[in-house]
Amino acid sequence: MTENWEITSKVAIPAISLIIAFAAALKNWVKSKQARFEEREKLSKHAYELYQISGDEKLKNLSMEYGYAAITKDSFLTIHQRKALVESNNPVKDIESYIRCREILDIKIEPLKFVWKKNRLGMRWYYNLVFSLKVFMFWLGVVILVSPVILILFSEDVFNHNFLSLPLWQSTGVVAYCEVMGFLMVSLSTISIIRLTLASGLIKRHL
């Protein structure tokens, strides 16, 4: 029992280390997005201060551009699209939703509405197909994520071979691969499911 526990620990630790490394990279990415918001906020204030000193209208417009870009947390919308977002009936909800699904939505103005970047997503059957595929990938990722535990506990009963009797490098590789791939599939599928749900909600609210 002690020997199995030691082997399991040696197998699990490298896999957990990989997941922690991936989570740290994701956290740094989120921080970089926040840093861009803070940078734009400072640039907006600085440009407006310069405008007050010089009276240059270009600096005033630049201040507005950076200000709207900071609020909407984007780099590619026009000033008119940003204004339309800010002036919506529920700007906080719309901006936060749009930020999370902007990869698949375009913004139309006068009046404000959202449309799919890929027109086929507007077809109900295609949307349901994509959504169902993402849900399937999520549960497949869950299965892959827990498969090392299943192998450790039941491999001898199912395959007549003890998983922990494999060479350490093989068992470690299998566990690391399953944990990383499972974690990626679950994470990416969850993001896609949320993105599709938010995008569909935005479109319906602004019909």
Protein backbone atom coordinates (compact mmCIF):
# COMPACT_ATOMS: atom_id res chain seq x y z
CA MET A 1 0.00 0.00 0.00
CA THR A 2 2.79 2.39 0.94
CA GLU A 3 4.67 1.53 -2.25
CA ASN A 4 1.58 2.22 -4.39
CA TRP A 5 1.05 5.53 -2.63
CA GLU A 6 4.65 6.56 -3.28
CA ILE A 7 4.35 5.65 -6.97
CA THR A 8 1.02 7.46 -7.27
CA SER A 9 2.56 10.54 -5.68
CA LYS A 10 5.45 10.48 -8.13
CA VAL A 11 3.03 10.20 -11.03
CA ALA A 12 0.59 12.84 -9.81
CA ILE A 13 3.07 15.55 -8.79
CA PRO A 14 4.46 16.23 -12.32
CA ALA A 15 0.91 16.36 -13.72
CA ILE A 16 -0.25 18.76 -11.03
CA SER A 17 2.84 20.91 -11.64
CA LEU A 18 1.90 21.23 -15.32
CA ILE A 19 -1.64 22.29 -14.45
CA ILE A 20 -0.34 24.87 -11.97
CA ALA A 21 2.02 26.24 -14.63
CA PHE A 22 -0.87 26.56 -17.10
CA ALA A 23 -3.07 28.25 -14.48
CA ALA A 24 -0.25 30.70 -13.71
CA ALA A 25 0.09 31.55 -17.41
CA LEU A 26 -3.67 32.15 -17.61
CA LYS A 27 -3.52 34.41 -14.54
CA ASN A 28 -0.69 36.45 -16.10
CA TRP A 29 -2.79 36.84 -19.26
CA VAL A 30 -5.71 38.21 -17.22
CA LYS A 31 -3.33 40.60 -15.43
CA SER A 32 -1.99 41.85 -18.76
CA LYS A 33 -5.55 42.73 -19.84
CA GLN A 34 -6.04 44.69 -16.62
CA ALA A 35 -2.71 46.43 -17.19
CA ARG A 36 -3.87 47.57 -20.65
CA PHE A 37 -7.03 49.04 -19.11
CA GLU A 38 -4.98 50.97 -16.53
CA GLU A 39 -2.57 52.19 -19.21
CA ARG A 40 -5.44 53.52 -21.35
CA GLU A 41 -7.02 55.16 -18.33
CA LYS A 42 -3.77 57.00 -17.56
CA LEU A 43 -3.32 58.02 -21.21
CA SER A 44 -6.87 59.37 -21.29
CA LYS A 45 -6.26 61.50 -18.19
CA HIS A 46 -2.87 62.66 -19.46
CA ALA A 47 -4.26 63.64 -22.87
CA TYR A 48 -7.08 65.61 -21.21
CA GLU A 49 -4.65 67.42 -18.92
CA LEU A 50 -2.59 68.41 -21.96
CA TYR A 51 -5.77 69.59 -23.70
CA GLN A 52 -6.59 71.83 -20.72
CA ILE A 53 -3.12 73.36 -20.97
CA SER A 54 -2.87 73.72 -24.75
CA GLY A 55 -6.51 73.91 -25.85
CA ASP A 56 -5.71 71.52 -28.69
CA GLU A 57 -8.98 69.81 -29.70
CA LYS A 58 -7.06 66.83 -31.06
CA LEU A 59 -5.87 66.05 -27.55
CA LYS A 60 -9.44 66.26 -26.28
CA ASN A 61 -10.56 63.77 -28.93
CA LEU A 62 -7.61 61.53 -28.12
CA SER A 63 -8.57 61.64 -24.45
CA MET A 64 -12.11 60.54 -25.37
CA GLU A 65 -10.78 57.73 -27.56
CA TYR A 66 -8.59 56.33 -24.79
CA GLY A 67 -11.37 56.81 -22.25
CA TYR A 68 -13.93 54.86 -24.26
CA ALA A 69 -11.31 52.21 -25.11
CA ALA A 70 -10.57 51.80 -21.39
CA ILE A 71 -14.26 51.45 -20.51
CA THR A 72 -15.04 48.97 -23.29
CA LYS A 73 -11.68 47.17 -22.88
CA ASP A 74 -11.16 46.82 -26.61
CA SER A 75 -8.64 47.86 -29.24
CA PHE A 76 -10.55 47.47 -32.51
CA LEU A 77 -13.96 49.16 -32.19
CA THR A 78 -14.64 52.57 -33.69
CA ILE A 79 -15.43 55.51 -31.42
CA HIS A 80 -19.06 55.30 -32.60
CA GLN A 81 -19.32 51.62 -31.66
CA ARG A 82 -17.81 52.35 -28.25
CA LYS A 83 -20.25 55.20 -27.67
CA ALA A 84 -23.16 52.98 -28.69
CA LEU A 85 -22.07 50.40 -26.10
CA VAL A 86 -21.72 53.00 -23.36
CA GLU A 87 -25.10 54.55 -24.21
CA SER A 88 -27.04 51.26 -24.21
CA ASN A 89 -29.95 50.76 -21.78
CA ASN A 90 -27.82 48.46 -19.65
CA PRO A 91 -24.21 49.49 -20.41
CA VAL A 92 -22.49 47.54 -17.62
CA LYS A 93 -24.13 44.24 -18.55
CA ASP A 94 -23.74 44.80 -22.30
CA ILE A 95 -20.08 45.84 -22.08
CA GLU A 96 -19.12 42.95 -19.80
CA SER A 97 -20.99 40.48 -22.00
CA TYR A 98 -19.52 41.86 -25.20
CA ILE A 99 -15.97 41.73 -23.82
CA ARG A 100 -16.34 37.98 -23.28
CA CYS A 101 -17.77 37.19 -26.72
CA ARG A 102 -16.38 39.88 -29.02
CA GLU A 103 -14.48 37.25 -31.04
CA ILE A 104 -17.79 36.04 -32.50
CA LEU A 105 -19.89 39.26 -32.57
CA ASP A 106 -19.95 42.50 -34.54
CA ILE A 107 -21.58 45.72 -33.33
CA LYS A 108 -24.04 47.72 -35.43
CA ILE A 109 -25.10 51.23 -34.42
CA GLU A 110 -28.20 53.43 -34.85
CA PRO A 111 -29.78 51.53 -33.24
CA LEU A 112 -27.34 49.42 -31.28
CA LYS A 113 -27.52 45.74 -32.16
CA PHE A 114 -25.21 42.74 -32.27
CA VAL A 115 -24.75 40.33 -35.17
CA TRP A 116 -22.76 37.15 -35.62
CA LYS A 117 -19.43 37.51 -37.38
CA LYS A 118 -20.14 34.13 -38.96
CA ASN A 119 -23.64 34.38 -40.44
CA ARG A 120 -24.21 30.63 -40.18
CA LEU A 121 -24.29 30.92 -36.38
CA GLY A 122 -27.54 32.80 -36.87
CA MET A 123 -29.14 29.59 -38.14
CA ARG A 124 -30.71 27.84 -35.17
CA TRP A 125 -29.72 24.32 -36.26
CA TYR A 126 -26.08 25.33 -36.74
CA TYR A 127 -25.95 27.17 -33.42
CA ASN A 128 -27.41 24.14 -31.63
CA LEU A 129 -24.91 21.87 -33.40
CA VAL A 130 -21.93 24.00 -32.33
CA PHE A 131 -23.28 24.38 -28.79
CA SER A 132 -23.88 20.62 -28.47
CA LEU A 133 -20.37 19.91 -29.76
CA LYS A 134 -18.88 22.21 -27.11
CA VAL A 135 -20.91 20.49 -24.38
CA PHE A 136 -19.73 17.09 -25.66
CA MET A 137 -16.10 18.30 -25.63
CA PHE A 138 -16.58 19.52 -22.06
CA TRP A 139 -17.75 16.13 -20.80
CA LEU A 140 -15.09 14.35 -22.84
CA GLY A 141 -12.52 16.57 -21.13
CA VAL A 142 -13.96 15.64 -17.74
CA VAL A 143 -13.63 11.94 -18.59
CA ILE A 144 -10.03 12.42 -19.74
CA LEU A 145 -9.28 14.46 -16.62
CA VAL A 146 -10.43 11.71 -14.24
CA SER A 147 -9.19 8.79 -16.36
CA PRO A 148 -5.86 8.49 -14.46
CA VAL A 149 -7.79 7.88 -11.24
CA ILE A 150 -9.88 5.24 -13.00
CA LEU A 151 -6.74 3.61 -14.37
CA ILE A 152 -5.07 3.56 -10.96
CA LEU A 153 -8.11 2.12 -9.21
CA PHE A 154 -9.56 -0.26 -11.80
CA SER A 155 -6.91 -1.06 -14.43
CA GLU A 156 -6.17 -4.45 -12.90
CA ASP A 157 -9.85 -5.43 -12.89
CA VAL A 158 -10.62 -4.13 -16.39
CA PHE A 159 -7.34 -4.73 -18.26
CA ASN A 160 -5.79 -7.43 -16.06
CA HIS A 161 -2.77 -5.20 -15.68
CA ASN A 162 -1.82 -2.88 -12.83
CA PHE A 163 -1.31 0.65 -14.16
CA LEU A 164 1.13 1.44 -11.36
CA SER A 165 3.34 -1.45 -12.42
CA LEU A 166 4.29 0.42 -15.60
CA PRO A 167 7.70 2.12 -15.68
CA LEU A 168 7.54 5.43 -13.85
CA TRP A 169 8.22 7.49 -16.99
CA GLN A 170 5.32 5.82 -18.83
CA SER A 171 2.78 6.20 -16.02
CA THR A 172 3.88 9.79 -15.41
CA GLY A 173 3.56 10.58 -19.12
CA VAL A 174 0.06 9.09 -19.34
CA VAL A 175 -1.15 10.95 -16.26
CA ALA A 176 0.45 14.25 -17.31
CA TYR A 177 -1.04 13.98 -20.80
CA CYS A 178 -4.53 13.15 -19.49
CA GLU A 179 -4.49 15.92 -16.89
CA VAL A 180 -3.22 18.61 -19.24
CA MET A 181 -5.44 17.61 -22.17
CA GLY A 182 -8.48 17.15 -19.92
CA PHE A 183 -7.91 20.49 -18.22
CA LEU A 184 -7.50 22.26 -21.57
CA MET A 185 -10.61 20.66 -23.05
CA VAL A 186 -12.74 21.50 -20.01
CA SER A 187 -11.43 25.08 -19.82
CA LEU A 188 -11.70 25.88 -23.52
CA SER A 189 -15.12 24.24 -23.85
CA THR A 190 -16.42 26.15 -20.83
CA ILE A 191 -15.18 29.43 -22.32
CA SER A 192 -16.84 28.60 -25.65
CA ILE A 193 -20.15 27.63 -24.02
CA ILE A 194 -20.23 30.84 -21.97
CA ARG A 195 -19.25 32.89 -25.03
CA LEU A 196 -22.02 31.43 -27.18
CA THR A 197 -24.60 31.88 -24.42
CA LEU A 198 -23.64 35.53 -23.78
CA ALA A 199 -23.53 36.32 -27.51
CA SER A 200 -26.98 34.83 -28.07
CA GLY A 201 -28.31 36.81 -25.11
CA LEU A 202 -26.87 40.08 -26.44
CA ILE A 203 -28.43 39.54 -29.85
CA LYS A 204 -31.85 38.77 -28.36
CA ARG A 205 -31.77 41.81 -26.04
CA HIS A 206 -31.12 44.17 -28.94
CA LEU A 207 -33.43 42.86 -31.65
